Every structure is written in structure tokens, then in C-alpha cells.
C-alpha atoms as a PDB file:
ATOM      1  CA  GLU A   1      37.163  46.201 -16.039  1.00  0.00           C
ATOM      2  CA  LYS A   2      33.530  45.688 -16.971  1.00  0.00           C
ATOM      3  CA  CYS A   3      31.149  47.976 -18.742  1.00  0.00           C
ATOM      4  CA  PRO A   4      27.539  47.323 -17.795  1.00  0.00           C
ATOM      5  CA  GLY A   5      26.949  43.858 -19.226  1.00  0.00           C
ATOM      6  CA  MET A   6      30.328  43.509 -21.030  1.00  0.00           C
ATOM      7  CA  THR A   7      34.078  43.774 -20.578  1.00  0.00           C
ATOM      8  CA  GLY A   8      36.257  46.358 -22.281  1.00  0.00           C
ATOM      9  CA  LYS A   9      37.489  43.679 -24.675  1.00  0.00           C
ATOM     10  CA  GLN A  10      33.918  42.774 -25.607  1.00  0.00           C
ATOM     11  CA  LEU A  11      33.180  46.462 -26.183  1.00  0.00           C
ATOM     12  CA  MET A  12      36.088  46.786 -28.632  1.00  0.00           C
ATOM     13  CA  GLU A  13      35.047  43.580 -30.393  1.00  0.00           C
ATOM     14  CA  LYS A  14      31.567  45.048 -30.799  1.00  0.00           C
ATOM     15  CA  LYS A  15      33.073  48.254 -32.177  1.00  0.00           C
ATOM     16  CA  SER A  16      35.248  46.304 -34.642  1.00  0.00           C
ATOM     17  CA  ALA A  17      32.223  44.349 -35.833  1.00  0.00           C
ATOM     18  CA  PHE A  18      30.291  47.591 -36.308  1.00  0.00           C
ATOM     19  CA  GLU A  19      33.129  49.173 -38.314  1.00  0.00           C
ATOM     20  CA  GLU A  20      33.473  46.055 -40.449  1.00  0.00           C
ATOM     21  CA  GLU A  21      29.747  46.191 -41.193  1.00  0.00           C
ATOM     22  CA  GLN A  22      30.084  49.853 -42.208  1.00  0.00           C
ATOM     23  CA  ARG A  23      33.046  49.000 -44.454  1.00  0.00           C
ATOM     24  CA  GLN A  24      31.117  46.177 -46.115  1.00  0.00           C
ATOM     25  CA  ARG A  25      28.155  48.485 -46.730  1.00  0.00           C
ATOM     26  CA  ALA A  26      30.484  50.993 -48.408  1.00  0.00           C
ATOM     27  CA  ILE A  27      31.889  48.235 -50.636  1.00  0.00           C
ATOM     28  CA  ASP A  28      28.361  47.136 -51.561  1.00  0.00           C
ATOM     29  CA  ARG A  29      27.426  50.733 -52.445  1.00  0.00           C
ATOM     30  CA  HIS A  30      30.409  51.032 -54.770  1.00  0.00           C
ATOM     31  CA  ARG A  31      29.666  47.680 -56.411  1.00  0.00           C
ATOM     32  CA  LYS A  32      26.073  48.738 -57.002  1.00  0.00           C
ATOM     33  CA  TYR A  33      27.307  52.048 -58.424  1.00  0.00           C
ATOM     34  CA  ASP A  34      29.693  50.282 -60.832  1.00  0.00           C
ATOM     35  CA  ILE A  35      26.873  48.045 -62.111  1.00  0.00           C
ATOM     36  CA  GLN A  36      24.525  51.012 -62.579  1.00  0.00           C
ATOM     37  CA  ARG A  37      27.263  53.049 -64.251  1.00  0.00           C
ATOM     38  CA  GLN A  38      28.131  50.306 -66.721  1.00  0.00           C
ATOM     39  CA  LYS A  39      24.456  49.884 -67.572  1.00  0.00           C
ATOM     40  CA  ALA A  40      24.013  53.635 -68.044  1.00  0.00           C
ATOM     41  CA  LEU A  41      27.045  53.830 -70.349  1.00  0.00           C
ATOM     42  CA  SER A  42      25.858  50.891 -72.445  1.00  0.00           C
ATOM     43  CA  GLU A  43      22.439  52.539 -72.856  1.00  0.00           C
ATOM     44  CA  ASN A  44      23.845  56.070 -73.411  1.00  0.00           C
ATOM     45  CA  GLN A  45      22.136  57.269 -70.241  1.00  0.00           C
ATOM     46  CA  PRO A  46      23.414  59.805 -67.668  1.00  0.00           C
ATOM     47  CA  GLU A  47      25.772  58.295 -65.110  1.00  0.00           C
ATOM     48  CA  PRO A  48      24.354  57.730 -61.619  1.00  0.00           C
ATOM     49  CA  ASP A  49      25.584  59.810 -58.683  1.00  0.00           C
ATOM     50  CA  LYS A  50      28.706  58.497 -57.012  1.00  0.00           C
ATOM     51  CA  PRO A  51      28.147  56.924 -53.591  1.00  0.00           C
ATOM     52  CA  ASN A  52      29.032  58.883 -50.490  1.00  0.00           C
ATOM     53  CA  ASP A  53      32.256  57.593 -48.924  1.00  0.00           C
ATOM     54  CA  GLN A  54      31.443  59.087 -45.540  1.00  0.00           C
ATOM     55  CA  ILE A  55      30.569  56.701 -42.724  1.00  0.00           C
ATOM     56  CA  GLU A  56      26.826  56.353 -42.385  1.00  0.00           C
ATOM     57  CA  ALA A  57      26.881  56.187 -38.597  1.00  0.00           C
ATOM     58  CA  GLN A  58      29.294  56.374 -35.682  1.00  0.00           C
ATOM     59  CA  PHE A  59      29.641  53.587 -33.162  1.00  0.00           C
ATOM     60  CA  THR A  60      27.781  54.307 -29.944  1.00  0.00           C
ATOM     61  CA  PRO A  61      28.706  52.275 -26.847  1.00  0.00           C
ATOM     62  CA  PRO A  62      25.677  50.355 -25.573  1.00  0.00           C
ATOM     63  CA  VAL A  63      26.016  51.773 -22.058  1.00  0.00           C
ATOM     64  CA  VAL A  64      24.413  54.604 -20.146  1.00  0.00           C
ATOM     65  CA  LEU A  65      26.351  57.847 -20.706  1.00  0.00           C
ATOM     66  CA  THR A  66      27.047  58.314 -16.982  1.00  0.00           C
ATOM     67  CA  TYR A  67      28.714  54.926 -16.783  1.00  0.00           C
ATOM     68  CA  GLY A  68      30.583  55.590 -19.992  1.00  0.00           C
ATOM     69  CA  ASP A  69      32.257  58.728 -18.649  1.00  0.00           C
ATOM     70  CA  LYS A  70      33.281  57.063 -15.391  1.00  0.00           C
ATOM     71  CA  LEU A  71      34.549  53.948 -17.123  1.00  0.00           C
ATOM     72  CA  ALA A  72      36.545  56.089 -19.549  1.00  0.00           C
ATOM     73  CA  ILE A  73      38.305  57.758 -16.608  1.00  0.00           C
ATOM     74  CA  TYR A  74      39.016  54.362 -15.070  1.00  0.00           C
ATOM     75  CA  HIS A  75      40.546  52.941 -18.249  1.00  0.00           C
ATOM     76  CA  ASN A  76      42.537  56.118 -18.872  1.00  0.00           C
ATOM     77  CA  ASN A  77      43.960  56.024 -15.332  1.00  0.00           C
ATOM     78  CA  ARG A  78      44.825  52.359 -15.674  1.00  0.00           C
ATOM     79  CA  ALA A  79      46.584  53.177 -18.950  1.00  0.00           C
ATOM     80  CA  ALA A  80      48.714  55.710 -17.064  1.00  0.00           C
ATOM     81  CA  CYS A  81      49.778  52.972 -14.624  1.00  0.00           C
ATOM     82  CA  LEU A  82      50.587  50.595 -17.472  1.00  0.00           C
ATOM     83  CA  LEU A  83      52.709  53.233 -19.181  1.00  0.00           C
ATOM     84  CA  HIS A  84      54.587  53.748 -15.921  1.00  0.00           C
ATOM     85  CA  LEU A  85      55.247  49.999 -15.904  1.00  0.00           C
ATOM     86  CA  ASP A  86      56.514  50.255 -19.518  1.00  0.00           C
ATOM     87  CA  ARG A  87      53.615  48.241 -20.947  1.00  0.00           C
ATOM     88  CA  PRO A  88      52.524  50.567 -23.791  1.00  0.00           C
ATOM     89  CA  GLN A  89      50.556  47.982 -25.801  1.00  0.00           C
ATOM     90  CA  GLU A  90      48.305  47.180 -22.853  1.00  0.00           C
ATOM     91  CA  ALA A  91      47.999  50.884 -22.095  1.00  0.00           C
ATOM     92  CA  LEU A  92      46.989  51.504 -25.690  1.00  0.00           C
ATOM     93  CA  ASP A  93      44.176  48.961 -25.400  1.00  0.00           C
ATOM     94  CA  ASP A  94      42.824  50.797 -22.342  1.00  0.00           C
ATOM     95  CA  CYS A  95      43.073  54.168 -24.098  1.00  0.00           C
ATOM     96  CA  LEU A  96      41.134  52.830 -27.073  1.00  0.00           C
ATOM     97  CA  ILE A  97      38.390  51.701 -24.710  1.00  0.00           C
ATOM     98  CA  ALA A  98      38.409  55.103 -22.961  1.00  0.00           C
ATOM     99  CA  THR A  99      38.115  57.080 -26.215  1.00  0.00           C
ATOM    100  CA  THR A 100      35.345  54.759 -27.379  1.00  0.00           C
ATOM    101  CA  LEU A 101      33.361  55.223 -24.170  1.00  0.00           C
ATOM    102  CA  ASN A 102      33.904  58.990 -24.192  1.00  0.00           C
ATOM    103  CA  PRO A 103      35.020  60.333 -27.604  1.00  0.00           C
ATOM    104  CA  VAL A 104      35.379  63.904 -26.238  1.00  0.00           C
ATOM    105  CA  TYR A 105      37.759  62.929 -23.421  1.00  0.00           C
ATOM    106  CA  SER A 106      40.865  64.876 -24.487  1.00  0.00           C
ATOM    107  CA  LYS A 107      43.119  63.366 -21.786  1.00  0.00           C
ATOM    108  CA  ALA A 108      42.426  59.879 -23.102  1.00  0.00           C
ATOM    109  CA  TRP A 109      43.315  60.963 -26.638  1.00  0.00           C
ATOM    110  CA  MET A 110      46.557  62.482 -25.374  1.00  0.00           C
ATOM    111  CA  ARG A 111      47.463  59.318 -23.480  1.00  0.00           C
ATOM    112  CA  LEU A 112      46.624  57.319 -26.595  1.00  0.00           C
ATOM    113  CA  CYS A 113      49.056  59.589 -28.432  1.00  0.00           C
ATOM    114  CA  THR A 114      51.745  58.748 -25.871  1.00  0.00           C
ATOM    115  CA  CYS A 115      51.122  55.024 -26.332  1.00  0.00           C
ATOM    116  CA  HIS A 116      51.406  55.221 -30.110  1.00  0.00           C
ATOM    117  CA  GLU A 117      54.595  57.270 -29.876  1.00  0.00           C
ATOM    118  CA  LYS A 118      56.172  54.751 -27.474  1.00  0.00           C
ATOM    119  CA  LEU A 119      55.247  52.047 -29.992  1.00  0.00           C
ATOM    120  CA  GLU A 120      56.993  54.156 -32.685  1.00  0.00           C
ATOM    121  CA  ASN A 121      53.798  54.864 -34.601  1.00  0.00           C
ATOM    122  CA  THR A 122      54.291  58.600 -35.082  1.00  0.00           C
ATOM    123  CA  GLU A 123      51.655  58.830 -37.817  1.00  0.00           C
ATOM    124  CA  GLN A 124      48.872  57.675 -35.496  1.00  0.00           C
ATOM    125  CA  ALA A 125      50.351  59.543 -32.524  1.00  0.00           C
ATOM    126  CA  LEU A 126      50.085  62.757 -34.537  1.00  0.00           C
ATOM    127  CA  GLN A 127      46.435  62.065 -35.353  1.00  0.00           C
ATOM    128  CA  ASP A 128      45.697  61.419 -31.679  1.00  0.00           C
ATOM    129  CA  ALA A 129      47.432  64.638 -30.632  1.00  0.00           C
ATOM    130  CA  LYS A 130      45.471  66.622 -33.222  1.00  0.00           C
ATOM    131  CA  LYS A 131      42.225  65.131 -31.916  1.00  0.00           C
ATOM    132  CA  ALA A 132      43.155  66.021 -28.329  1.00  0.00           C
ATOM    133  CA  SER A 133      44.080  69.562 -29.372  1.00  0.00           C
ATOM    134  CA  GLU A 134      40.808  69.891 -31.272  1.00  0.00           C
ATOM    135  CA  LEU A 135      38.905  68.969 -28.114  1.00  0.00           C
ATOM    136  CA  ASP A 136      41.042  71.245 -25.915  1.00  0.00           C
ATOM    137  CA  PRO A 137      42.118  74.114 -28.205  1.00  0.00           C
ATOM    138  CA  THR A 138      43.458  76.344 -25.384  1.00  0.00           C
ATOM    139  CA  ASN A 139      45.958  73.731 -24.184  1.00  0.00           C
ATOM    140  CA  ILE A 140      49.418  75.018 -25.149  1.00  0.00           C
ATOM    141  CA  THR A 141      51.093  71.708 -24.301  1.00  0.00           C
ATOM    142  CA  LEU A 142      48.908  69.904 -26.832  1.00  0.00           C
ATOM    143  CA  LYS A 143      49.759  72.435 -29.531  1.00  0.00           C
ATOM    144  CA  ARG A 144      53.470  71.947 -28.862  1.00  0.00           C
ATOM    145  CA  THR A 145      53.039  68.181 -28.992  1.00  0.00           C
ATOM    146  CA  VAL A 146      51.279  68.440 -32.355  1.00  0.00           C
ATOM    147  CA  ALA A 147      54.086  70.625 -33.722  1.00  0.00           C
ATOM    148  CA  ARG A 148      56.770  68.245 -32.429  1.00  0.00           C
ATOM    149  CA  LEU A 149      55.077  65.143 -33.817  1.00  0.00           C
ATOM    150  CA  GLN A 150      54.398  66.871 -37.130  1.00  0.00           C
ATOM    151  CA  LYS A 151      58.127  67.510 -37.467  1.00  0.00           C
ATOM    152  CA  LEU A 152      58.932  63.880 -36.651  1.00  0.00           C
ATOM    153  CA  GLU A 153      56.331  62.624 -39.105  1.00  0.00           C
ATOM    154  CA  ASP A 154      57.623  64.908 -41.867  1.00  0.00           C
ATOM    155  CA  GLN A 155      61.137  63.572 -41.268  1.00  0.00           C
ATOM    156  CA  ARG A 156      59.871  59.990 -41.341  1.00  0.00           C
ATOM    157  CA  LEU A 157      58.052  60.540 -44.624  1.00  0.00           C
ATOM    158  CA  GLU A 158      61.087  62.246 -46.152  1.00  0.00           C
ATOM    159  CA  THR A 159      63.306  59.312 -45.137  1.00  0.00           C
ATOM    160  CA  LEU A 160      60.749  56.861 -46.516  1.00  0.00           C
ATOM    161  CA  LYS A 161      60.611  58.785 -49.784  1.00  0.00           C
ATOM    162  CA  GLU A 162      64.396  58.745 -50.129  1.00  0.00           C
ATOM    163  CA  GLU A 163      64.544  55.009 -49.407  1.00  0.00           C
ATOM    164  CA  THR A 164      61.766  54.314 -51.913  1.00  0.00           C
ATOM    165  CA  MET A 165      63.399  56.426 -54.620  1.00  0.00           C
ATOM    166  CA  GLY A 166      66.712  54.683 -53.959  1.00  0.00           C
ATOM    167  CA  LYS A 167      65.111  51.254 -54.387  1.00  0.00           C
ATOM    168  CA  LEU A 168      63.325  52.369 -57.557  1.00  0.00           C
ATOM    169  CA  LYS A 169      66.583  53.728 -58.947  1.00  0.00           C
ATOM    170  CA  ASP A 170      68.354  50.457 -58.194  1.00  0.00           C
ATOM    171  CA  LEU A 171      65.547  48.545 -59.907  1.00  0.00           C
ATOM    172  CA  GLY A 172      65.656  50.826 -62.939  1.00  0.00           C
ATOM    173  CA  ASN A 173      69.416  50.495 -63.231  1.00  0.00           C
ATOM    174  CA  SER A 174      69.229  46.696 -62.946  1.00  0.00           C
ATOM    175  CA  ILE A 175      66.804  46.596 -65.895  1.00  0.00           C
ATOM    176  CA  LEU A 176      68.589  49.203 -68.011  1.00  0.00           C
ATOM    177  CA  GLY A 177      71.905  47.501 -67.291  1.00  0.00           C
ATOM    178  CA  ASN A 178      70.825  44.675 -69.604  1.00  0.00           C
ATOM    179  CA  PHE A 179      71.038  47.207 -72.440  1.00  0.00           C
ATOM    180  CA  GLY A 180      74.254  48.858 -71.339  1.00  0.00           C
ATOM    181  CA  LEU A 181      72.375  51.837 -69.933  1.00  0.00           C
ATOM    182  CA  SER A 182      71.509  53.370 -66.572  1.00  0.00           C
ATOM    183  CA  LEU A 183      69.220  56.087 -65.285  1.00  0.00           C
ATOM    184  CA  ASN A 184      72.162  58.480 -65.663  1.00  0.00           C
ATOM    185  CA  ASN A 185      71.479  58.310 -69.405  1.00  0.00           C
ATOM    186  CA  PHE A 186      68.187  60.126 -68.863  1.00  0.00           C
ATOM    187  CA  ASN A 187      67.707  63.713 -67.728  1.00  0.00           C
ATOM    188  CA  ALA A 188      64.391  64.990 -66.377  1.00  0.00           C
ATOM    189  CA  VAL A 189      63.815  68.740 -66.591  1.00  0.00           C
ATOM    190  CA  LYS A 190      60.791  70.293 -64.882  1.00  0.00           C
ATOM    191  CA  ASP A 191      58.854  73.042 -66.626  1.00  0.00           C
ATOM    192  CA  PRO A 192      58.173  75.645 -63.877  1.00  0.00           C
ATOM    193  CA  SER A 193      55.142  77.025 -65.707  1.00  0.00           C
ATOM    194  CA  THR A 194      53.285  73.728 -66.107  1.00  0.00           C
ATOM    195  CA  GLY A 195      54.917  71.454 -63.528  1.00  0.00           C
ATOM    196  CA  SER A 196      55.398  68.759 -66.189  1.00  0.00           C
ATOM    197  CA  TYR A 197      58.715  67.053 -66.969  1.00  0.00           C
ATOM    198  CA  SER A 198      60.554  66.582 -70.237  1.00  0.00           C
ATOM    199  CA  ILE A 199      62.908  63.595 -70.604  1.00  0.00           C
ATOM    200  CA  SER A 200      66.105  63.751 -72.647  1.00  0.00           C
ATOM    201  CA  PHE A 201      68.544  60.960 -73.494  1.00  0.00           C
ATOM    202  CA  ASN A 202      72.317  61.265 -73.113  1.00  0.00           C
ATOM    203  CA  GLN A 203      74.069  58.210 -74.535  1.00  0.00           C
ATOM    204  CA  ASN A 204      77.510  59.346 -73.407  1.00  0.00           C
ATOM    205  CA  SER A 205      76.563  59.673 -69.722  1.00  0.00           C
ATOM    206  CA  ASN A 206      77.973  56.294 -68.728  1.00  0.00           C
ATOM    207  CA  ASN A 207      81.250  57.054 -70.488  1.00  0.00           C
ATOM    208  CA  ASN A 208      81.500  60.418 -68.723  1.00  0.00           C
ATOM    209  CA  ASP A 209      80.939  58.759 -65.326  1.00  0.00           C
ATOM    210  CA  GLU A 210      83.916  56.517 -65.989  1.00  0.00           C
END
């Protein structure tokens, strides 16, 4: 369970602290940019360059590489046992440790994908599968997994979009209902050449629906 000098949990806490520090630095860069930009605009000077949103540095486990590889295998194997015992959340924690210790360990990324899928997080499972496939591009099974998860994620997003549009329509109708109207009174027509929409009003729509 222990990395040299720390447990897996301590390693992940150290990683979280590092990522939080990176996030705070990015926020500080944007705040500094906003101040400089406002000053430049007030003085009619050229705007400063926008800050780079890319992470300045990647977290590096504070262990010797040899230990890191072996520990990654250990945590990945323990995750397999936990999955067999139907304990996906605990397995996920081990997979996160394994991929942190050895970021190019494709098997750990694939097992992490399995954990996320069992926890019904298809979005993250897809990202994990893509990472595993990127590290092992000749693996046909990984490619099939990516394709399968991509289909599931597309379906999830389509369902989410329909639910969101339904809620927005209900909200719009509840507001327009105060004026004796509904969204059926408005027609949106897309211009295929520009992609923009034109809105027309049909006052008799509610009467026609009756």
C-alpha cells in the first residue's frame, strides 16, 4: 500500500494539492491580465497578450521511477480484485494511484475506464479508453471499447439535450401563458446559407391547436 515514504492516499492528496496550486496560478494570471487590459484600454494602449491556459507543469510522483512502475502494477492488480468483488469506487481509487505513478501504463487506464463505466460515468470512461488506446494504438479491443463508449456518450448527450429543451419549453410556456401565448405562437426558420434563424409570430396558433 505504501509508496516510498507515503501511502497511496497521501500521494493522491499531494497530487490534488499540486493541481489546486496550478489552478490558482492560472486564476492569478487571468486576474493580472484583466487588470493590465483595463489599464491599457483606459490609456489607449495595445492590449497585453492573453495568458496561456495550458498547465505549466505536470505532477511528478516523488518516488524513484523503478518503484513507481512496480507500485502501479500492484495498485492496478488490486483494482482488478476489487472490481471482482463489486467494489468499483475502491478500485477506481487504486487505478488513479496507478495512472499517477505510471502515466503510460495503458492497462491501468483501461481498468480505470471499467471503474468509471461501472459507476455510470460514461463521459470519463470514454476519456480513459481514449487515453489507453493512445498509449496502445495497435490494441483492437481498446478501439472497439472507444467506439462503444462513444456511442453511449452520444446517446447520453442527446437524451440530456432533449430533457433540457423540454424543460426550457415548459418554462417558456409558463411565462408566455400569462399573456395567453405559448411557444407554438412562434416559428423559427433556419437559413441554410447562413445558419441563422428568423422568428415569425402566429397569433392563431393556439386556436388552431384547439
